[in-house]
Amino acid sequence: MSDENSFHMSQGYDVIPPKTGLAYPILCGEWDHLKEQIKGIKTSFSWYYTGGTLLLGAAISTLIAILTGAFKPESNGPSYPLVVAWAVVVSTGIIGLVALYFANESRVVAEKKASEVITQMELIEQRFERDKNV
């Protein structure tokens, strides 16, 4: 045994004793590997980004068409095409912005969850007296 407080297992591993409470033995290399895996978690592909970008593109395209005069009303007639075009700009613009907002919020929540797990793992590490050179 390398330390009187350590417990020597038959596989040849010295288990670091916890300060208090029950604990599961895990190799330090496996623990570090788990931490690296959790740090590397990226958010999955979100259709909110794609949908929001497409909708904003449609809104901008329609707005450009309106500004260049593609939807001119007929003489003394109703301007239904212009009204429909403005409705498309407003609706696709708002829905696109909302989709991008939700995409950003879902990314922030996923990153926050991963960082909370790492913080909890570091709190668990503080219960043990581990030599950093090992």
N, C-alpha and C. Protein backbone atom coordinates (compact mmCIF):
# COMPACT_ATOMS: atom_id res chain seq x y z
N MET A 1 0.84 -1.18 0.00
CA MET A 1 0.00 0.00 0.00
C MET A 1 0.88 1.24 0.00
N SER A 2 0.45 2.24 -0.73
CA SER A 2 1.24 3.45 -0.82
C SER A 2 0.94 4.43 0.30
N ASP A 3 -0.20 4.28 0.94
CA ASP A 3 -0.61 5.19 2.00
C ASP A 3 -1.43 4.40 3.00
N GLU A 4 -1.32 4.74 4.28
CA GLU A 4 -2.07 4.00 5.29
C GLU A 4 -3.57 4.23 5.16
N ASN A 5 -3.99 5.36 4.60
CA ASN A 5 -5.40 5.65 4.43
C ASN A 5 -5.98 5.03 3.17
N SER A 6 -5.13 4.53 2.29
CA SER A 6 -5.60 3.95 1.04
C SER A 6 -6.03 2.51 1.25
N PHE A 7 -6.86 2.05 0.35
CA PHE A 7 -7.31 0.67 0.36
C PHE A 7 -6.75 0.01 -0.88
N HIS A 8 -6.00 -1.08 -0.70
CA HIS A 8 -5.37 -1.76 -1.83
C HIS A 8 -6.28 -2.88 -2.30
N MET A 9 -6.71 -2.80 -3.56
CA MET A 9 -7.59 -3.82 -4.13
C MET A 9 -6.73 -4.90 -4.78
N SER A 10 -7.33 -6.07 -5.02
CA SER A 10 -6.59 -7.20 -5.56
C SER A 10 -6.10 -6.96 -6.98
N GLN A 11 -6.71 -6.02 -7.71
CA GLN A 11 -6.28 -5.73 -9.07
C GLN A 11 -5.02 -4.86 -9.09
N GLY A 12 -4.57 -4.42 -7.95
CA GLY A 12 -3.37 -3.60 -7.90
C GLY A 12 -3.64 -2.11 -7.93
N TYR A 13 -4.84 -1.68 -7.66
CA TYR A 13 -5.18 -0.26 -7.65
C TYR A 13 -5.26 0.24 -6.22
N ASP A 14 -4.75 1.42 -5.99
CA ASP A 14 -4.93 2.07 -4.70
C ASP A 14 -6.14 2.99 -4.81
N VAL A 15 -7.16 2.74 -4.01
CA VAL A 15 -8.37 3.55 -4.04
C VAL A 15 -8.16 4.74 -3.11
N ILE A 16 -8.40 5.93 -3.63
CA ILE A 16 -8.25 7.14 -2.83
C ILE A 16 -9.39 7.19 -1.84
N PRO A 17 -9.08 7.36 -0.56
CA PRO A 17 -10.16 7.34 0.43
C PRO A 17 -10.95 8.65 0.40
N PRO A 18 -12.27 8.56 0.49
CA PRO A 18 -13.07 9.79 0.58
C PRO A 18 -12.94 10.40 1.97
N LYS A 19 -13.23 11.68 2.05
CA LYS A 19 -13.17 12.35 3.35
C LYS A 19 -14.26 11.79 4.27
N THR A 20 -15.51 11.70 3.76
CA THR A 20 -16.60 11.10 4.53
C THR A 20 -17.61 10.52 3.56
N GLY A 21 -18.41 9.60 4.02
CA GLY A 21 -19.50 9.06 3.22
C GLY A 21 -19.10 7.87 2.37
N LEU A 22 -20.10 7.31 1.68
CA LEU A 22 -19.89 6.17 0.81
C LEU A 22 -19.45 6.63 -0.57
N ALA A 23 -18.70 5.79 -1.26
CA ALA A 23 -18.24 6.16 -2.60
C ALA A 23 -18.04 4.91 -3.44
N TYR A 24 -18.12 5.08 -4.75
CA TYR A 24 -17.82 4.01 -5.69
C TYR A 24 -16.38 4.17 -6.17
N PRO A 25 -15.61 3.08 -6.21
CA PRO A 25 -14.25 3.20 -6.74
C PRO A 25 -14.29 3.32 -8.27
N ILE A 26 -13.57 4.29 -8.79
CA ILE A 26 -13.45 4.48 -10.24
C ILE A 26 -12.02 4.92 -10.51
N LEU A 27 -11.47 4.42 -11.59
CA LEU A 27 -10.10 4.80 -11.94
C LEU A 27 -10.05 6.29 -12.26
N CYS A 28 -8.97 6.93 -11.85
CA CYS A 28 -8.82 8.37 -12.11
C CYS A 28 -8.77 8.65 -13.61
N GLY A 29 -8.18 7.76 -14.37
CA GLY A 29 -8.14 7.94 -15.82
C GLY A 29 -9.53 7.89 -16.43
N GLU A 30 -10.36 6.99 -15.94
CA GLU A 30 -11.74 6.91 -16.42
C GLU A 30 -12.53 8.16 -16.02
N TRP A 31 -12.29 8.65 -14.82
CA TRP A 31 -12.96 9.87 -14.35
C TRP A 31 -12.58 11.06 -15.24
N ASP A 32 -11.28 11.19 -15.51
CA ASP A 32 -10.82 12.29 -16.37
C ASP A 32 -11.38 12.16 -17.78
N HIS A 33 -11.48 10.92 -18.26
CA HIS A 33 -12.05 10.69 -19.60
C HIS A 33 -13.52 11.12 -19.63
N LEU A 34 -14.27 10.79 -18.59
CA LEU A 34 -15.67 11.22 -18.52
C LEU A 34 -15.79 12.74 -18.53
N LYS A 35 -14.92 13.41 -17.78
CA LYS A 35 -14.96 14.87 -17.75
C LYS A 35 -14.68 15.45 -19.13
N GLU A 36 -13.71 14.90 -19.83
CA GLU A 36 -13.38 15.40 -21.17
C GLU A 36 -14.53 15.15 -22.14
N GLN A 37 -15.18 13.99 -22.01
CA GLN A 37 -16.32 13.70 -22.88
C GLN A 37 -17.47 14.68 -22.64
N ILE A 38 -17.72 14.99 -21.39
CA ILE A 38 -18.81 15.92 -21.07
C ILE A 38 -18.46 17.33 -21.53
N LYS A 39 -17.21 17.73 -21.38
CA LYS A 39 -16.79 19.06 -21.86
C LYS A 39 -16.95 19.17 -23.38
N GLY A 40 -16.82 18.06 -24.08
CA GLY A 40 -16.90 18.07 -25.53
C GLY A 40 -18.31 17.97 -26.08
N ILE A 41 -19.31 17.93 -25.21
CA ILE A 41 -20.70 17.81 -25.68
C ILE A 41 -21.08 19.07 -26.45
N LYS A 42 -21.57 18.86 -27.64
CA LYS A 42 -22.07 19.96 -28.47
C LYS A 42 -23.56 19.77 -28.66
N THR A 43 -24.25 20.87 -28.88
CA THR A 43 -25.68 20.76 -29.11
C THR A 43 -25.93 20.10 -30.46
N SER A 44 -26.98 19.32 -30.52
CA SER A 44 -27.31 18.65 -31.77
C SER A 44 -27.86 19.66 -32.77
N PHE A 45 -27.88 19.23 -34.01
CA PHE A 45 -28.38 20.09 -35.08
C PHE A 45 -29.83 20.44 -34.80
N SER A 46 -30.15 21.69 -34.92
CA SER A 46 -31.50 22.15 -34.63
C SER A 46 -32.16 22.65 -35.90
N TRP A 47 -33.36 22.18 -36.15
CA TRP A 47 -34.11 22.65 -37.31
C TRP A 47 -34.59 24.07 -37.12
N TYR A 48 -34.55 24.56 -35.90
CA TYR A 48 -34.96 25.94 -35.66
C TYR A 48 -34.04 26.91 -36.41
N TYR A 49 -32.73 26.63 -36.42
CA TYR A 49 -31.80 27.50 -37.15
C TYR A 49 -32.12 27.52 -38.64
N THR A 50 -32.29 26.34 -39.19
CA THR A 50 -32.57 26.24 -40.63
C THR A 50 -33.89 26.90 -40.99
N GLY A 51 -34.93 26.57 -40.25
CA GLY A 51 -36.25 27.15 -40.52
C GLY A 51 -36.26 28.66 -40.34
N GLY A 52 -35.64 29.13 -39.27
CA GLY A 52 -35.60 30.57 -39.03
C GLY A 52 -34.85 31.32 -40.12
N THR A 53 -33.75 30.75 -40.56
CA THR A 53 -32.97 31.39 -41.62
C THR A 53 -33.74 31.41 -42.93
N LEU A 54 -34.40 30.30 -43.26
CA LEU A 54 -35.19 30.27 -44.50
C LEU A 54 -36.35 31.27 -44.46
N LEU A 55 -37.01 31.36 -43.33
CA LEU A 55 -38.13 32.30 -43.22
C LEU A 55 -37.65 33.75 -43.30
N LEU A 56 -36.53 34.05 -42.66
CA LEU A 56 -36.00 35.41 -42.77
C LEU A 56 -35.56 35.72 -44.19
N GLY A 57 -35.02 34.72 -44.87
CA GLY A 57 -34.65 34.91 -46.28
C GLY A 57 -35.86 35.20 -47.14
N ALA A 58 -36.96 34.51 -46.89
CA ALA A 58 -38.20 34.76 -47.64
C ALA A 58 -38.73 36.16 -47.35
N ALA A 59 -38.64 36.59 -46.09
CA ALA A 59 -39.11 37.93 -45.74
C ALA A 59 -38.27 39.00 -46.42
N ILE A 60 -36.97 38.82 -46.42
CA ILE A 60 -36.09 39.82 -47.04
C ILE A 60 -36.29 39.85 -48.55
N SER A 61 -36.43 38.68 -49.17
CA SER A 61 -36.66 38.63 -50.62
C SER A 61 -37.96 39.33 -51.00
N THR A 62 -39.00 39.07 -50.24
CA THR A 62 -40.28 39.72 -50.54
C THR A 62 -40.21 41.22 -50.29
N LEU A 63 -39.50 41.63 -49.26
CA LEU A 63 -39.34 43.06 -48.98
C LEU A 63 -38.59 43.75 -50.12
N ILE A 64 -37.56 43.11 -50.63
CA ILE A 64 -36.82 43.69 -51.76
C ILE A 64 -37.73 43.81 -52.98
N ALA A 65 -38.55 42.80 -53.21
CA ALA A 65 -39.48 42.85 -54.35
C ALA A 65 -40.48 44.00 -54.17
N ILE A 66 -40.94 44.22 -52.96
CA ILE A 66 -41.87 45.33 -52.71
C ILE A 66 -41.18 46.67 -52.96
N LEU A 67 -39.97 46.80 -52.45
CA LEU A 67 -39.25 48.08 -52.57
C LEU A 67 -38.84 48.39 -54.01
N THR A 68 -38.63 47.36 -54.82
CA THR A 68 -38.27 47.60 -56.22
C THR A 68 -39.48 47.79 -57.12
N GLY A 69 -40.67 47.67 -56.58
CA GLY A 69 -41.88 47.95 -57.34
C GLY A 69 -42.46 46.77 -58.08
N ALA A 70 -42.17 45.57 -57.68
CA ALA A 70 -42.70 44.39 -58.37
C ALA A 70 -44.19 44.20 -58.12
N PHE A 71 -44.69 44.77 -57.07
CA PHE A 71 -46.11 44.60 -56.72
C PHE A 71 -46.86 45.93 -56.86
N LYS A 72 -46.87 46.47 -58.06
CA LYS A 72 -47.57 47.74 -58.29
C LYS A 72 -49.06 47.45 -58.46
N PRO A 73 -49.89 48.25 -57.80
CA PRO A 73 -51.34 48.04 -57.95
C PRO A 73 -51.81 48.49 -59.33
N GLU A 74 -52.86 47.85 -59.79
CA GLU A 74 -53.45 48.25 -61.07
C GLU A 74 -54.08 49.63 -60.92
N SER A 75 -54.25 50.33 -62.01
CA SER A 75 -54.83 51.67 -61.95
C SER A 75 -56.26 51.60 -61.43
N ASN A 76 -56.52 52.35 -60.39
CA ASN A 76 -57.84 52.42 -59.75
C ASN A 76 -58.36 51.06 -59.30
N GLY A 77 -57.51 50.11 -59.16
CA GLY A 77 -57.94 48.78 -58.73
C GLY A 77 -57.42 48.49 -57.33
N PRO A 78 -57.84 47.39 -56.77
CA PRO A 78 -57.36 47.03 -55.43
C PRO A 78 -55.89 46.62 -55.48
N SER A 79 -55.23 46.82 -54.40
CA SER A 79 -53.81 46.48 -54.33
C SER A 79 -53.61 45.21 -53.49
N TYR A 80 -54.38 44.17 -53.81
CA TYR A 80 -54.28 42.92 -53.08
C TYR A 80 -52.89 42.29 -53.14
N PRO A 81 -52.22 42.28 -54.28
CA PRO A 81 -50.89 41.68 -54.29
C PRO A 81 -49.92 42.38 -53.34
N LEU A 82 -50.02 43.70 -53.24
CA LEU A 82 -49.14 44.44 -52.33
C LEU A 82 -49.47 44.11 -50.87
N VAL A 83 -50.74 44.00 -50.55
CA VAL A 83 -51.14 43.65 -49.18
C VAL A 83 -50.67 42.25 -48.82
N VAL A 84 -50.82 41.33 -49.75
CA VAL A 84 -50.36 39.95 -49.51
C VAL A 84 -48.85 39.92 -49.35
N ALA A 85 -48.14 40.68 -50.15
CA ALA A 85 -46.68 40.72 -50.05
C ALA A 85 -46.24 41.25 -48.69
N TRP A 86 -46.89 42.32 -48.22
CA TRP A 86 -46.55 42.85 -46.90
C TRP A 86 -46.91 41.85 -45.80
N ALA A 87 -47.99 41.12 -45.96
CA ALA A 87 -48.36 40.10 -44.98
C ALA A 87 -47.31 38.99 -44.93
N VAL A 88 -46.79 38.63 -46.10
CA VAL A 88 -45.72 37.62 -46.16
C VAL A 88 -44.47 38.13 -45.46
N VAL A 89 -44.10 39.38 -45.70
CA VAL A 89 -42.91 39.96 -45.07
C VAL A 89 -43.05 39.94 -43.55
N VAL A 90 -44.18 40.42 -43.06
CA VAL A 90 -44.38 40.51 -41.61
C VAL A 90 -44.45 39.12 -40.98
N SER A 91 -45.24 38.23 -41.54
CA SER A 91 -45.42 36.91 -40.91
C SER A 91 -44.15 36.08 -40.96
N THR A 92 -43.50 36.01 -42.12
CA THR A 92 -42.27 35.20 -42.19
C THR A 92 -41.14 35.83 -41.39
N GLY A 93 -41.12 37.15 -41.33
CA GLY A 93 -40.09 37.82 -40.53
C GLY A 93 -40.24 37.53 -39.05
N ILE A 94 -41.46 37.65 -38.55
CA ILE A 94 -41.70 37.40 -37.12
C ILE A 94 -41.46 35.94 -36.77
N ILE A 95 -42.00 35.04 -37.57
CA ILE A 95 -41.82 33.61 -37.28
C ILE A 95 -40.35 33.21 -37.39
N GLY A 96 -39.64 33.76 -38.36
CA GLY A 96 -38.21 33.48 -38.49
C GLY A 96 -37.41 33.96 -37.29
N LEU A 97 -37.71 35.16 -36.80
CA LEU A 97 -37.01 35.67 -35.62
C LEU A 97 -37.33 34.84 -34.38
N VAL A 98 -38.57 34.42 -34.24
CA VAL A 98 -38.94 33.58 -33.09
C VAL A 98 -38.22 32.23 -33.17
N ALA A 99 -38.12 31.65 -34.35
CA ALA A 99 -37.42 30.37 -34.51
C ALA A 99 -35.95 30.51 -34.15
N LEU A 100 -35.31 31.58 -34.60
CA LEU A 100 -33.90 31.80 -34.25
C LEU A 100 -33.72 32.04 -32.76
N TYR A 101 -34.66 32.71 -32.14
CA TYR A 101 -34.60 32.93 -30.69
C TYR A 101 -34.66 31.59 -29.95
N PHE A 102 -35.61 30.72 -30.33
CA PHE A 102 -35.71 29.42 -29.67
C PHE A 102 -34.49 28.55 -29.94
N ALA A 103 -33.92 28.65 -31.11
CA ALA A 103 -32.70 27.89 -31.41
C ALA A 103 -31.56 28.33 -30.49
N ASN A 104 -31.44 29.63 -30.30
CA ASN A 104 -30.38 30.14 -29.43
C ASN A 104 -30.63 29.73 -27.98
N GLU A 105 -31.86 29.81 -27.53
CA GLU A 105 -32.18 29.43 -26.15
C GLU A 105 -31.92 27.94 -25.91
N SER A 106 -32.25 27.09 -26.87
CA SER A 106 -32.01 25.65 -26.68
C SER A 106 -30.52 25.35 -26.63
N ARG A 107 -29.72 26.08 -27.40
CA ARG A 107 -28.27 25.90 -27.37
C ARG A 107 -27.72 26.32 -26.01
N VAL A 108 -28.18 27.44 -25.48
CA VAL A 108 -27.71 27.93 -24.18
C VAL A 108 -28.07 26.95 -23.07
N VAL A 109 -29.27 26.40 -23.11
CA VAL A 109 -29.70 25.45 -22.08
C VAL A 109 -28.85 24.19 -22.13
N ALA A 110 -28.57 23.68 -23.32
CA ALA A 110 -27.76 22.47 -23.46
C ALA A 110 -26.34 22.70 -22.95
N GLU A 111 -25.76 23.85 -23.26
CA GLU A 111 -24.41 24.15 -22.78
C GLU A 111 -24.40 24.31 -21.27
N LYS A 112 -25.45 24.89 -20.73
CA LYS A 112 -25.53 25.09 -19.28
C LYS A 112 -25.61 23.75 -18.56
N LYS A 113 -26.36 22.81 -19.10
CA LYS A 113 -26.48 21.50 -18.47
C LYS A 113 -25.13 20.79 -18.43
N ALA A 114 -24.36 20.85 -19.52
CA ALA A 114 -23.05 20.21 -19.55
C ALA A 114 -22.11 20.86 -18.53
N SER A 115 -22.14 22.18 -18.42
CA SER A 115 -21.25 22.85 -17.47
C SER A 115 -21.67 22.55 -16.03
N GLU A 116 -22.96 22.34 -15.78
CA GLU A 116 -23.41 21.98 -14.44
C GLU A 116 -22.90 20.59 -14.05
N VAL A 117 -22.86 19.67 -15.00
CA VAL A 117 -22.35 18.33 -14.72
C VAL A 117 -20.86 18.39 -14.40
N ILE A 118 -20.11 19.18 -15.16
CA ILE A 118 -18.67 19.33 -14.89
C ILE A 118 -18.46 19.94 -13.51
N THR A 119 -19.25 20.93 -13.14
CA THR A 119 -19.13 21.55 -11.82
C THR A 119 -19.40 20.52 -10.72
N GLN A 120 -20.41 19.69 -10.91
CA GLN A 120 -20.71 18.66 -9.92
C GLN A 120 -19.58 17.65 -9.83
N MET A 121 -18.99 17.29 -10.96
CA MET A 121 -17.87 16.35 -10.94
C MET A 121 -16.67 16.94 -10.21
N GLU A 122 -16.44 18.24 -10.38
CA GLU A 122 -15.33 18.88 -9.67
C GLU A 122 -15.61 18.94 -8.17
N LEU A 123 -16.87 19.11 -7.78
CA LEU A 123 -17.21 19.07 -6.35
C LEU A 123 -16.95 17.68 -5.78
N ILE A 124 -17.26 16.65 -6.54
CA ILE A 124 -16.98 15.29 -6.10
C ILE A 124 -15.48 15.08 -5.95
N GLU A 125 -14.70 15.62 -6.89
CA GLU A 125 -13.24 15.48 -6.80
C GLU A 125 -12.69 16.11 -5.53
N GLN A 126 -13.31 17.18 -5.06
CA GLN A 126 -12.82 17.86 -3.87
C GLN A 126 -12.97 17.01 -2.61
N ARG A 127 -13.81 16.00 -2.65
CA ARG A 127 -13.97 15.11 -1.50
C ARG A 127 -12.78 14.17 -1.35
N PHE A 128 -12.01 14.03 -2.38
CA PHE A 128 -10.89 13.10 -2.38
C PHE A 128 -9.58 13.86 -2.38
N GLU A 129 -8.59 13.24 -1.77
CA GLU A 129 -7.25 13.82 -1.75
C GLU A 129 -6.44 13.14 -2.84
N ARG A 130 -6.44 13.75 -4.01
CA ARG A 130 -5.77 13.15 -5.17
C ARG A 130 -4.49 13.92 -5.47
N ASP A 131 -3.41 13.16 -5.63
CA ASP A 131 -2.15 13.77 -6.03
C ASP A 131 -2.25 14.12 -7.51
N LYS A 132 -2.05 15.37 -7.86
CA LYS A 132 -2.21 15.84 -9.24
C LYS A 132 -1.14 15.27 -10.17
N ASN A 133 -0.05 14.73 -9.63
CA ASN A 133 1.02 14.19 -10.47
C ASN A 133 0.74 12.77 -10.93
N VAL A 134 -0.30 12.14 -10.40
CA VAL A 134 -0.60 10.75 -10.75
C VAL A 134 -1.34 10.69 -12.05
